[in-house]
Amino acid sequence: PHVFAVQGEQQFTGELDLFTDHQILVSGRTRGDSR
């Protein structure tokens, strides 16, 4: 694994594959306890 971006408060995940039935390109995990 190679972390290349961090999304913080009031930001959102996703890219174009959320509009398709394609396999997504990236993985995402929480950094610390999150809501």
PDB file of all heavy atoms in Angstrom:
ATOM      1  N   PRO A   1       0.810  -1.215   0.000  1.00  0.00           N
ATOM      2  CA  PRO A   1       0.000   0.000   0.000  1.00  0.00           C
ATOM      3  C   PRO A   1       0.846   1.268   0.000  1.00  0.00           C
ATOM      4  O   PRO A   1       1.936   1.307   0.573  1.00  0.00           O
ATOM      5  CB  PRO A   1      -0.809  -0.121   1.290  1.00  0.00           C
ATOM      6  CG  PRO A   1       0.035  -0.966   2.190  1.00  0.00           C
ATOM      7  CD  PRO A   1       0.751  -1.937   1.291  1.00  0.00           C
ATOM      8  N   HIS A   2       0.328   2.302  -0.636  1.00  0.00           N
ATOM      9  CA  HIS A   2       0.987   3.604  -0.684  1.00  0.00           C
ATOM     10  C   HIS A   2      -0.076   4.682  -0.522  1.00  0.00           C
ATOM     11  O   HIS A   2      -0.925   4.868  -1.400  1.00  0.00           O
ATOM     12  CB  HIS A   2       1.720   3.777  -2.023  1.00  0.00           C
ATOM     13  CG  HIS A   2       2.127   5.190  -2.291  1.00  0.00           C
ATOM     14  ND1 HIS A   2       1.543   5.964  -3.280  1.00  0.00           N
ATOM     15  CD2 HIS A   2       3.042   5.988  -1.679  1.00  0.00           C
ATOM     16  CE1 HIS A   2       2.087   7.170  -3.271  1.00  0.00           C
ATOM     17  NE2 HIS A   2       2.992   7.213  -2.310  1.00  0.00           N
ATOM     18  N   VAL A   3      -0.060   5.379   0.621  1.00  0.00           N
ATOM     19  CA  VAL A   3      -1.029   6.441   0.873  1.00  0.00           C
ATOM     20  C   VAL A   3      -0.651   7.661   0.042  1.00  0.00           C
ATOM     21  O   VAL A   3       0.471   8.164   0.136  1.00  0.00           O
ATOM     22  CB  VAL A   3      -1.068   6.810   2.372  1.00  0.00           C
ATOM     23  CG1 VAL A   3      -2.008   7.999   2.605  1.00  0.00           C
ATOM     24  CG2 VAL A   3      -1.528   5.616   3.206  1.00  0.00           C
ATOM     25  N   PHE A   4      -1.592   8.153  -0.788  1.00  0.00           N
ATOM     26  CA  PHE A   4      -1.281   9.301  -1.630  1.00  0.00           C
ATOM     27  C   PHE A   4      -2.214  10.482  -1.385  1.00  0.00           C
ATOM     28  O   PHE A   4      -1.996  11.567  -1.924  1.00  0.00           O
ATOM     29  CB  PHE A   4      -1.316   8.927  -3.117  1.00  0.00           C
ATOM     30  CG  PHE A   4      -2.669   8.534  -3.639  1.00  0.00           C
ATOM     31  CD1 PHE A   4      -3.536   9.484  -4.153  1.00  0.00           C
ATOM     32  CD2 PHE A   4      -3.064   7.209  -3.617  1.00  0.00           C
ATOM     33  CE1 PHE A   4      -4.782   9.125  -4.627  1.00  0.00           C
ATOM     34  CE2 PHE A   4      -4.318   6.840  -4.093  1.00  0.00           C
ATOM     35  CZ  PHE A   4      -5.183   7.803  -4.601  1.00  0.00           C
ATOM     36  N   ALA A   5      -3.251  10.314  -0.571  1.00  0.00           N
ATOM     37  CA  ALA A   5      -4.134  11.430  -0.263  1.00  0.00           C
ATOM     38  C   ALA A   5      -4.846  11.159   1.052  1.00  0.00           C
ATOM     39  O   ALA A   5      -5.046  10.006   1.442  1.00  0.00           O
ATOM     40  CB  ALA A   5      -5.152  11.642  -1.375  1.00  0.00           C
ATOM     41  N   VAL A   6      -5.193  12.249   1.745  1.00  0.00           N
ATOM     42  CA  VAL A   6      -5.942  12.173   2.995  1.00  0.00           C
ATOM     43  C   VAL A   6      -7.114  13.143   2.910  1.00  0.00           C
ATOM     44  O   VAL A   6      -6.928  14.319   2.600  1.00  0.00           O
ATOM     45  CB  VAL A   6      -5.051  12.525   4.208  1.00  0.00           C
ATOM     46  CG1 VAL A   6      -5.882  12.476   5.492  1.00  0.00           C
ATOM     47  CG2 VAL A   6      -3.859  11.578   4.302  1.00  0.00           C
ATOM     48  N   GLN A   7      -8.321  12.641   3.162  1.00  0.00           N
ATOM     49  CA  GLN A   7      -9.516  13.474   3.142  1.00  0.00           C
ATOM     50  C   GLN A   7      -9.928  13.769   4.577  1.00  0.00           C
ATOM     51  O   GLN A   7     -10.141  12.840   5.376  1.00  0.00           O
ATOM     52  CB  GLN A   7     -10.652  12.742   2.430  1.00  0.00           C
ATOM     53  CG  GLN A   7     -10.276  12.298   1.017  1.00  0.00           C
ATOM     54  CD  GLN A   7     -10.779  13.231  -0.045  1.00  0.00           C
ATOM     55  OE1 GLN A   7     -11.595  12.859  -0.845  1.00  0.00           O
ATOM     56  NE2 GLN A   7     -10.286  14.455  -0.047  1.00  0.00           N
ATOM     57  N   GLY A   8     -10.042  15.066   4.920  1.00  0.00           N
ATOM     58  CA  GLY A   8     -10.379  15.451   6.284  1.00  0.00           C
ATOM     59  C   GLY A   8     -11.823  15.884   6.430  1.00  0.00           C
ATOM     60  O   GLY A   8     -12.679  15.587   5.590  1.00  0.00           O
ATOM     61  N   GLU A   9     -12.099  16.595   7.516  1.00  0.00           N
ATOM     62  CA  GLU A   9     -13.463  17.001   7.826  1.00  0.00           C
ATOM     63  C   GLU A   9     -14.057  17.869   6.722  1.00  0.00           C
ATOM     64  O   GLU A   9     -13.379  18.714   6.143  1.00  0.00           O
ATOM     65  CB  GLU A   9     -13.473  17.762   9.160  1.00  0.00           C
ATOM     66  CG  GLU A   9     -13.070  16.887  10.341  1.00  0.00           C
ATOM     67  CD  GLU A   9     -13.003  17.662  11.645  1.00  0.00           C
ATOM     68  OE1 GLU A   9     -13.325  18.871  11.621  1.00  0.00           O
ATOM     69  OE2 GLU A   9     -12.627  17.066  12.671  1.00  0.00           O
ATOM     70  N   GLN A  10     -15.324  17.615   6.429  1.00  0.00           N
ATOM     71  CA  GLN A  10     -16.123  18.306   5.415  1.00  0.00           C
ATOM     72  C   GLN A  10     -15.682  17.970   3.977  1.00  0.00           C
ATOM     73  O   GLN A  10     -16.105  18.628   3.039  1.00  0.00           O
ATOM     74  CB  GLN A  10     -16.097  19.831   5.625  1.00  0.00           C
ATOM     75  CG  GLN A  10     -16.762  20.280   6.926  1.00  0.00           C
ATOM     76  CD  GLN A  10     -16.699  21.786   7.089  1.00  0.00           C
ATOM     77  OE1 GLN A  10     -15.664  22.354   7.424  1.00  0.00           O
ATOM     78  NE2 GLN A  10     -17.828  22.428   6.835  1.00  0.00           N
ATOM     79  N   GLN A  11     -14.844  16.954   3.836  1.00  0.00           N
ATOM     80  CA  GLN A  11     -14.463  16.480   2.511  1.00  0.00           C
ATOM     81  C   GLN A  11     -15.148  15.149   2.247  1.00  0.00           C
ATOM     82  O   GLN A  11     -15.790  14.565   3.124  1.00  0.00           O
ATOM     83  CB  GLN A  11     -12.943  16.363   2.402  1.00  0.00           C
ATOM     84  CG  GLN A  11     -12.232  17.712   2.493  1.00  0.00           C
ATOM     85  CD  GLN A  11     -10.732  17.575   2.367  1.00  0.00           C
ATOM     86  OE1 GLN A  11     -10.088  16.798   3.068  1.00  0.00           O
ATOM     87  NE2 GLN A  11     -10.156  18.369   1.472  1.00  0.00           N
ATOM     88  N   PHE A  12     -15.000  14.624   1.018  1.00  0.00           N
ATOM     89  CA  PHE A  12     -15.725  13.421   0.635  1.00  0.00           C
ATOM     90  C   PHE A  12     -14.844  12.519  -0.223  1.00  0.00           C
ATOM     91  O   PHE A  12     -13.890  12.960  -0.853  1.00  0.00           O
ATOM     92  CB  PHE A  12     -17.011  13.764  -0.123  1.00  0.00           C
ATOM     93  CG  PHE A  12     -16.820  14.718  -1.271  1.00  0.00           C
ATOM     94  CD1 PHE A  12     -16.425  14.257  -2.522  1.00  0.00           C
ATOM     95  CD2 PHE A  12     -17.043  16.073  -1.096  1.00  0.00           C
ATOM     96  CE1 PHE A  12     -16.249  15.138  -3.587  1.00  0.00           C
ATOM     97  CE2 PHE A  12     -16.874  16.961  -2.160  1.00  0.00           C
ATOM     98  CZ  PHE A  12     -16.479  16.494  -3.400  1.00  0.00           C
ATOM     99  N   THR A  13     -15.187  11.250  -0.231  1.00  0.00           N
ATOM    100  CA  THR A  13     -14.430  10.251  -0.982  1.00  0.00           C
ATOM    101  C   THR A  13     -15.053  10.050  -2.355  1.00  0.00           C
ATOM    102  O   THR A  13     -16.165  10.481  -2.643  1.00  0.00           O
ATOM    103  CB  THR A  13     -14.433   8.900  -0.240  1.00  0.00           C
ATOM    104  OG1 THR A  13     -15.786   8.418  -0.163  1.00  0.00           O
ATOM    105  CG2 THR A  13     -13.854   9.048   1.155  1.00  0.00           C
ATOM    106  N   GLY A  14     -14.312   9.350  -3.216  1.00  0.00           N
ATOM    107  CA  GLY A  14     -14.852   8.923  -4.506  1.00  0.00           C
ATOM    108  C   GLY A  14     -14.201   9.581  -5.696  1.00  0.00           C
ATOM    109  O   GLY A  14     -13.535  10.621  -5.580  1.00  0.00           O
ATOM    110  N   GLU A  15     -14.371   8.941  -6.844  1.00  0.00           N
ATOM    111  CA  GLU A  15     -13.994   9.508  -8.143  1.00  0.00           C
ATOM    112  C   GLU A  15     -14.936   8.916  -9.177  1.00  0.00           C
ATOM    113  O   GLU A  15     -15.998   8.419  -8.826  1.00  0.00           O
ATOM    114  CB  GLU A  15     -12.504   9.312  -8.431  1.00  0.00           C
ATOM    115  CG  GLU A  15     -12.010   7.896  -8.470  1.00  0.00           C
ATOM    116  CD  GLU A  15     -11.811   7.402  -9.896  1.00  0.00           C
ATOM    117  OE1 GLU A  15     -11.399   8.161 -10.780  1.00  0.00           O
ATOM    118  OE2 GLU A  15     -12.075   6.224 -10.123  1.00  0.00           O
ATOM    119  N   LEU A  16     -14.603   8.984 -10.442  1.00  0.00           N
ATOM    120  CA  LEU A  16     -15.576   8.714 -11.493  1.00  0.00           C
ATOM    121  C   LEU A  16     -16.198   7.322 -11.440  1.00  0.00           C
ATOM    122  O   LEU A  16     -17.325   7.130 -11.911  1.00  0.00           O
ATOM    123  CB  LEU A  16     -14.925   8.935 -12.869  1.00  0.00           C
ATOM    124  CG  LEU A  16     -14.617  10.391 -13.218  1.00  0.00           C
ATOM    125  CD1 LEU A  16     -13.932  10.472 -14.581  1.00  0.00           C
ATOM    126  CD2 LEU A  16     -15.889  11.226 -13.226  1.00  0.00           C
ATOM    127  N   ASP A  17     -15.506   6.349 -10.891  1.00  0.00           N
ATOM    128  CA  ASP A  17     -16.066   4.997 -10.881  1.00  0.00           C
ATOM    129  C   ASP A  17     -17.283   4.875  -9.968  1.00  0.00           C
ATOM    130  O   ASP A  17     -17.965   3.838  -9.990  1.00  0.00           O
ATOM    131  CB  ASP A  17     -14.993   3.982 -10.474  1.00  0.00           C
ATOM    132  CG  ASP A  17     -14.074   3.638 -11.632  1.00  0.00           C
ATOM    133  OD1 ASP A  17     -14.480   3.855 -12.784  1.00  0.00           O
ATOM    134  OD2 ASP A  17     -12.947   3.173 -11.393  1.00  0.00           O
ATOM    135  N   LEU A  18     -17.593   5.904  -9.189  1.00  0.00           N
ATOM    136  CA  LEU A  18     -18.827   5.863  -8.415  1.00  0.00           C
ATOM    137  C   LEU A  18     -20.064   5.985  -9.296  1.00  0.00           C
ATOM    138  O   LEU A  18     -21.181   5.706  -8.873  1.00  0.00           O
ATOM    139  CB  LEU A  18     -18.844   6.975  -7.353  1.00  0.00           C
ATOM    140  CG  LEU A  18     -18.476   6.508  -5.931  1.00  0.00           C
ATOM    141  CD1 LEU A  18     -17.016   6.098  -5.876  1.00  0.00           C
ATOM    142  CD2 LEU A  18     -18.767   7.593  -4.911  1.00  0.00           C
ATOM    143  N   PHE A  19     -19.865   6.411 -10.554  1.00  0.00           N
ATOM    144  CA  PHE A  19     -20.984   6.510 -11.485  1.00  0.00           C
ATOM    145  C   PHE A  19     -21.101   5.271 -12.372  1.00  0.00           C
ATOM    146  O   PHE A  19     -21.963   5.232 -13.251  1.00  0.00           O
ATOM    147  CB  PHE A  19     -20.820   7.740 -12.381  1.00  0.00           C
ATOM    148  CG  PHE A  19     -21.026   9.041 -11.661  1.00  0.00           C
ATOM    149  CD1 PHE A  19     -19.951   9.834 -11.341  1.00  0.00           C
ATOM    150  CD2 PHE A  19     -22.297   9.452 -11.300  1.00  0.00           C
ATOM    151  CE1 PHE A  19     -20.136  11.041 -10.675  1.00  0.00           C
ATOM    152  CE2 PHE A  19     -22.490  10.653 -10.638  1.00  0.00           C
ATOM    153  CZ  PHE A  19     -21.402  11.447 -10.318  1.00  0.00           C
ATOM    154  N   THR A  20     -20.255   4.283 -12.170  1.00  0.00           N
ATOM    155  CA  THR A  20     -20.245   3.111 -13.042  1.00  0.00           C
ATOM    156  C   THR A  20     -20.331   1.830 -12.219  1.00  0.00           C
ATOM    157  O   THR A  20     -20.339   1.866 -10.982  1.00  0.00           O
ATOM    158  CB  THR A  20     -18.944   3.062 -13.868  1.00  0.00           C
ATOM    159  OG1 THR A  20     -17.836   2.731 -13.005  1.00  0.00           O
ATOM    160  CG2 THR A  20     -18.664   4.403 -14.531  1.00  0.00           C
ATOM    161  N   ASP A  21     -20.363   0.732 -12.935  1.00  0.00           N
ATOM    162  CA  ASP A  21     -20.278  -0.580 -12.295  1.00  0.00           C
ATOM    163  C   ASP A  21     -18.848  -1.121 -12.397  1.00  0.00           C
ATOM    164  O   ASP A  21     -18.610  -2.312 -12.259  1.00  0.00           O
ATOM    165  CB  ASP A  21     -21.268  -1.548 -12.971  1.00  0.00           C
ATOM    166  CG  ASP A  21     -21.393  -2.861 -12.216  1.00  0.00           C
ATOM    167  OD1 ASP A  21     -21.313  -2.837 -10.981  1.00  0.00           O
ATOM    168  OD2 ASP A  21     -21.550  -3.910 -12.870  1.00  0.00           O
ATOM    169  N   HIS A  22     -17.882  -0.224 -12.640  1.00  0.00           N
ATOM    170  CA  HIS A  22     -16.491  -0.649 -12.769  1.00  0.00           C
ATOM    171  C   HIS A  22     -15.888  -0.981 -11.408  1.00  0.00           C
ATOM    172  O   HIS A  22     -16.350  -0.492 -10.367  1.00  0.00           O
ATOM    173  CB  HIS A  22     -15.646   0.467 -13.401  1.00  0.00           C
ATOM    174  CG  HIS A  22     -16.066   0.818 -14.789  1.00  0.00           C
ATOM    175  ND1 HIS A  22     -15.477   1.826 -15.513  1.00  0.00           N
ATOM    176  CD2 HIS A  22     -17.014   0.290 -15.599  1.00  0.00           C
ATOM    177  CE1 HIS A  22     -16.043   1.923 -16.696  1.00  0.00           C
ATOM    178  NE2 HIS A  22     -16.992   0.991 -16.772  1.00  0.00           N
ATOM    179  N   GLN A  23     -14.826  -1.751 -11.437  1.00  0.00           N
ATOM    180  CA  GLN A  23     -14.030  -1.949 -10.226  1.00  0.00           C
ATOM    181  C   GLN A  23     -13.311  -0.651  -9.896  1.00  0.00           C
ATOM    182  O   GLN A  23     -12.735  -0.010 -10.777  1.00  0.00           O
ATOM    183  CB  GLN A  23     -13.008  -3.067 -10.424  1.00  0.00           C
ATOM    184  CG  GLN A  23     -13.613  -4.451 -10.579  1.00  0.00           C
ATOM    185  CD  GLN A  23     -12.557  -5.527 -10.748  1.00  0.00           C
ATOM    186  OE1 GLN A  23     -11.359  -5.273 -10.607  1.00  0.00           O
ATOM    187  NE2 GLN A  23     -12.982  -6.737 -11.061  1.00  0.00           N
ATOM    188  N   ILE A  24     -13.342  -0.243  -8.641  1.00  0.00           N
ATOM    189  CA  ILE A  24     -12.698   1.001  -8.260  1.00  0.00           C
ATOM    190  C   ILE A  24     -11.182   0.821  -8.209  1.00  0.00           C
ATOM    191  O   ILE A  24     -10.669  -0.289  -8.080  1.00  0.00           O
ATOM    192  CB  ILE A  24     -13.217   1.536  -6.913  1.00  0.00           C
ATOM    193  CG1 ILE A  24     -12.908   0.559  -5.776  1.00  0.00           C
ATOM    194  CG2 ILE A  24     -14.703   1.821  -7.001  1.00  0.00           C
ATOM    195  CD1 ILE A  24     -13.182   1.144  -4.409  1.00  0.00           C
ATOM    196  N   LEU A  25     -10.457   1.952  -8.295  1.00  0.00           N
ATOM    197  CA  LEU A  25      -9.010   1.924  -8.446  1.00  0.00           C
ATOM    198  C   LEU A  25      -8.250   2.072  -7.134  1.00  0.00           C
ATOM    199  O   LEU A  25      -7.059   1.743  -7.074  1.00  0.00           O
ATOM    200  CB  LEU A  25      -8.570   3.049  -9.392  1.00  0.00           C
ATOM    201  CG  LEU A  25      -9.125   2.986 -10.812  1.00  0.00           C
ATOM    202  CD1 LEU A  25      -8.751   4.243 -11.579  1.00  0.00           C
ATOM    203  CD2 LEU A  25      -8.610   1.756 -11.528  1.00  0.00           C
ATOM    204  N   VAL A  26      -8.889   2.610  -6.099  1.00  0.00           N
ATOM    205  CA  VAL A  26      -8.172   2.919  -4.862  1.00  0.00           C
ATOM    206  C   VAL A  26      -8.866   2.277  -3.672  1.00  0.00           C
ATOM    207  O   VAL A  26     -10.019   1.837  -3.755  1.00  0.00           O
ATOM    208  CB  VAL A  26      -8.074   4.446  -4.643  1.00  0.00           C
ATOM    209  CG1 VAL A  26      -7.384   5.114  -5.823  1.00  0.00           C
ATOM    210  CG2 VAL A  26      -9.456   5.066  -4.435  1.00  0.00           C
ATOM    211  N   SER A  27      -8.137   2.244  -2.562  1.00  0.00           N
ATOM    212  CA  SER A  27      -8.685   1.767  -1.293  1.00  0.00           C
ATOM    213  C   SER A  27      -8.730   2.929  -0.311  1.00  0.00           C
ATOM    214  O   SER A  27      -7.995   3.914  -0.448  1.00  0.00           O
ATOM    215  CB  SER A  27      -7.822   0.639  -0.723  1.00  0.00           C
ATOM    216  OG  SER A  27      -7.740  -0.455  -1.617  1.00  0.00           O
ATOM    217  N   GLY A  28      -9.598   2.823   0.689  1.00  0.00           N
ATOM    218  CA  GLY A  28      -9.717   3.871   1.689  1.00  0.00           C
ATOM    219  C   GLY A  28      -9.932   3.296   3.075  1.00  0.00           C
ATOM    220  O   GLY A  28     -10.683   2.339   3.243  1.00  0.00           O
ATOM    221  N   ARG A  29      -9.252   3.887   4.075  1.00  0.00           N
ATOM    222  CA  ARG A  29      -9.403   3.448   5.460  1.00  0.00           C
ATOM    223  C   ARG A  29      -9.366   4.671   6.372  1.00  0.00           C
ATOM    224  O   ARG A  29      -8.758   5.686   6.033  1.00  0.00           O
ATOM    225  CB  ARG A  29      -8.293   2.471   5.848  1.00  0.00           C
ATOM    226  CG  ARG A  29      -6.901   3.082   5.821  1.00  0.00           C
ATOM    227  CD  ARG A  29      -5.815   2.044   5.889  1.00  0.00           C
ATOM    228  NE  ARG A  29      -4.495   2.661   5.737  1.00  0.00           N
ATOM    229  CZ  ARG A  29      -3.397   2.006   5.355  1.00  0.00           C
ATOM    230  NH1 ARG A  29      -3.457   0.709   5.073  1.00  0.00           N
ATOM    231  NH2 ARG A  29      -2.232   2.641   5.259  1.00  0.00           N
ATOM    232  N   THR A  30     -10.005   4.573   7.513  1.00  0.00           N
ATOM    233  CA  THR A  30     -10.045   5.701   8.441  1.00  0.00           C
ATOM    234  C   THR A  30      -8.682   5.899   9.092  1.00  0.00           C
ATOM    235  O   THR A  30      -7.977   4.945   9.394  1.00  0.00           O
ATOM    236  CB  THR A  30     -11.103   5.486   9.524  1.00  0.00           C
ATOM    237  OG1 THR A  30     -10.870   4.224  10.165  1.00  0.00           O
ATOM    238  CG2 THR A  30     -12.500   5.507   8.938  1.00  0.00           C
ATOM    239  N   ARG A  31      -8.333   7.166   9.253  1.00  0.00           N
ATOM    240  CA  ARG A  31      -7.111   7.517   9.999  1.00  0.00           C
ATOM    241  C   ARG A  31      -7.560   8.007  11.371  1.00  0.00           C
ATOM    242  O   ARG A  31      -8.005   9.138  11.532  1.00  0.00           O
ATOM    243  CB  ARG A  31      -6.322   8.612   9.282  1.00  0.00           C
ATOM    244  CG  ARG A  31      -5.113   9.090  10.094  1.00  0.00           C
ATOM    245  CD  ARG A  31      -4.392  10.249   9.422  1.00  0.00           C
ATOM    246  NE  ARG A  31      -3.546   9.796   8.336  1.00  0.00           N
ATOM    247  CZ  ARG A  31      -2.653  10.572   7.709  1.00  0.00           C
ATOM    248  NH1 ARG A  31      -2.533  11.856   8.069  1.00  0.00           N
ATOM    249  NH2 ARG A  31      -1.916  10.088   6.729  1.00  0.00           N
ATOM    250  N   GLY A  32      -7.489   7.130  12.335  1.00  0.00           N
ATOM    251  CA  GLY A  32      -7.994   7.447  13.665  1.00  0.00           C
ATOM    252  C   GLY A  32      -9.506   7.322  13.722  1.00  0.00           C
ATOM    253  O   GLY A  32     -10.185   7.099  12.714  1.00  0.00           O
ATOM    254  N   ASP A  33     -10.058   7.426  14.932  1.00  0.00           N
ATOM    255  CA  ASP A  33     -11.507   7.334  15.095  1.00  0.00           C
ATOM    256  C   ASP A  33     -12.177   8.439  14.285  1.00  0.00           C
ATOM    257  O   ASP A  33     -11.745   9.600  14.317  1.00  0.00           O
ATOM    258  CB  ASP A  33     -11.886   7.458  16.574  1.00  0.00           C
ATOM    259  CG  ASP A  33     -11.380   6.269  17.391  1.00  0.00           C
ATOM    260  OD1 ASP A  33     -10.981   5.261  16.767  1.00  0.00           O
ATOM    261  OD2 ASP A  33     -11.366   6.368  18.632  1.00  0.00           O
ATOM    262  N   SER A  34     -13.249   8.082  13.580  1.00  0.00           N
ATOM    263  CA  SER A  34     -13.870   9.030  12.661  1.00  0.00           C
ATOM    264  C   SER A  34     -15.386   8.917  12.717  1.00  0.00           C
ATOM    265  O   SER A  34     -15.948   7.899  13.149  1.00  0.00           O
ATOM    266  CB  SER A  34     -13.400   8.774  11.227  1.00  0.00           C
ATOM    267  OG  SER A  34     -11.994   8.895  11.108  1.00  0.00           O
ATOM    268  N   ARG A  35     -16.035   9.993  12.269  1.00  0.00           N
ATOM    269  CA  ARG A  35     -17.485  10.004  12.123  1.00  0.00           C
ATOM    270  C   ARG A  35     -17.792  10.364  10.676  1.00  0.00           C
ATOM    271  O   ARG A  35     -17.300  11.376  10.166  1.00  0.00           O
ATOM    272  CB  ARG A  35     -18.109  11.013  13.093  1.00  0.00           C
ATOM    273  CG  ARG A  35     -19.625  11.004  13.140  1.00  0.00           C
ATOM    274  CD  ARG A  35     -20.142  11.583  14.473  1.00  0.00           C
ATOM    275  NE  ARG A  35     -19.695  12.944  14.679  1.00  0.00           N
ATOM    276  CZ  ARG A  35     -20.429  14.027  14.440  1.00  0.00           C
ATOM    277  NH1 ARG A  35     -21.669  13.885  13.967  1.00  0.00           N
ATOM    278  NH2 ARG A  35     -19.958  15.232  14.673  1.00  0.00           N
TER     279      ARG A  35
END
